[in-house]
Protein backbone atom coordinates (compact mmCIF):
# COMPACT_ATOMS: atom_id res chain seq x y z
CA UNK A 1 6.01 -0.77 14.48
CA UNK A 2 2.93 0.25 13.58
CA UNK A 3 0.75 -0.13 10.57
CA UNK A 4 -0.30 3.24 9.06
CA UNK A 5 -3.08 3.32 7.00
CA UNK A 6 -2.51 5.05 3.31
CA UNK A 7 -2.34 8.73 3.44
CA UNK A 8 -1.29 11.39 2.27
CA UNK A 9 2.54 11.55 3.80
CA UNK A 10 3.55 7.40 2.57
CA UNK A 11 1.70 7.56 -0.78
CA UNK A 12 4.72 7.65 -2.43
CA UNK A 13 6.07 5.29 -0.75
CA UNK A 14 3.97 2.70 -1.04
CA UNK A 15 3.77 3.81 -4.37
CA UNK A 16 7.11 3.01 -5.01
CA UNK A 17 6.93 -0.11 -3.61
CA UNK A 18 3.66 -0.92 -5.79
CA UNK A 19 5.92 -0.55 -9.14
CA UNK A 20 8.91 -2.15 -7.47
CA UNK A 21 7.33 -4.80 -6.40
CA UNK A 22 5.20 -6.05 -9.86
CA UNK A 23 6.37 -5.71 -13.58
CA UNK A 24 3.99 -3.94 -15.54
CA UNK A 25 1.83 -6.51 -16.68
CA UNK A 26 1.13 -8.23 -13.46
CA UNK A 27 -0.23 -4.75 -11.82
CA UNK A 28 -3.22 -2.56 -11.88
CA UNK A 29 -3.17 0.90 -11.97
CA UNK A 30 -2.18 2.95 -8.73
CA UNK A 31 -5.68 4.85 -8.69
CA UNK A 32 -8.02 1.61 -9.72
CA UNK A 33 -6.11 -0.04 -6.84
CA UNK A 34 -6.98 2.64 -4.37
CA UNK A 35 -9.91 2.31 -5.55
CA UNK A 36 -11.11 -1.33 -5.10
CA UNK A 37 -9.80 -0.96 -1.00
CA UNK A 38 -12.07 1.77 -0.57
CA UNK A 39 -14.96 -0.40 -2.25
CA UNK A 40 -13.66 -3.82 -0.82
CA UNK A 41 -13.08 -3.91 3.04
CA UNK A 42 -11.67 -6.79 3.07
CA UNK A 43 -8.38 -4.97 0.82
CA UNK A 44 -6.45 -2.73 3.40
CA UNK A 45 -3.40 -0.11 2.32
CA UNK A 46 -1.05 0.39 4.89
CA UNK A 47 2.10 1.34 5.17
CA UNK A 48 4.75 -0.77 8.51
CA UNK A 49 6.69 2.13 10.07
CA UNK A 50 9.49 1.05 12.64
CA UNK A 51 10.80 4.84 14.63
CA UNK A 52 9.11 6.95 12.76
CA UNK A 53 10.48 4.96 9.15
CA UNK A 54 8.95 3.12 6.63
CA UNK A 55 9.84 -0.11 6.65
CA UNK A 56 7.36 -2.16 4.42
CA UNK A 57 3.64 -2.73 3.27
CA UNK A 58 1.75 -5.72 4.84
CA UNK A 59 -0.25 -8.23 3.53
CA UNK A 60 -3.65 -8.42 5.09
CA UNK A 61 -5.95 -11.47 4.28
CA UNK A 62 -8.87 -10.88 5.97
């Protein structure tokens, strides 16, 4: 199992899971979320992979 930072390869997967996990009234625009992560080192956007398959998104509370 690996944690892979958000990149061009897993971007669409991340966005799909994010949309499925939160109803529209509980999420911010994906671009805004990416900007918040870029501005705040405590926010990590990554994908969990197992045998090179995307299997989930980690929760980071650092």
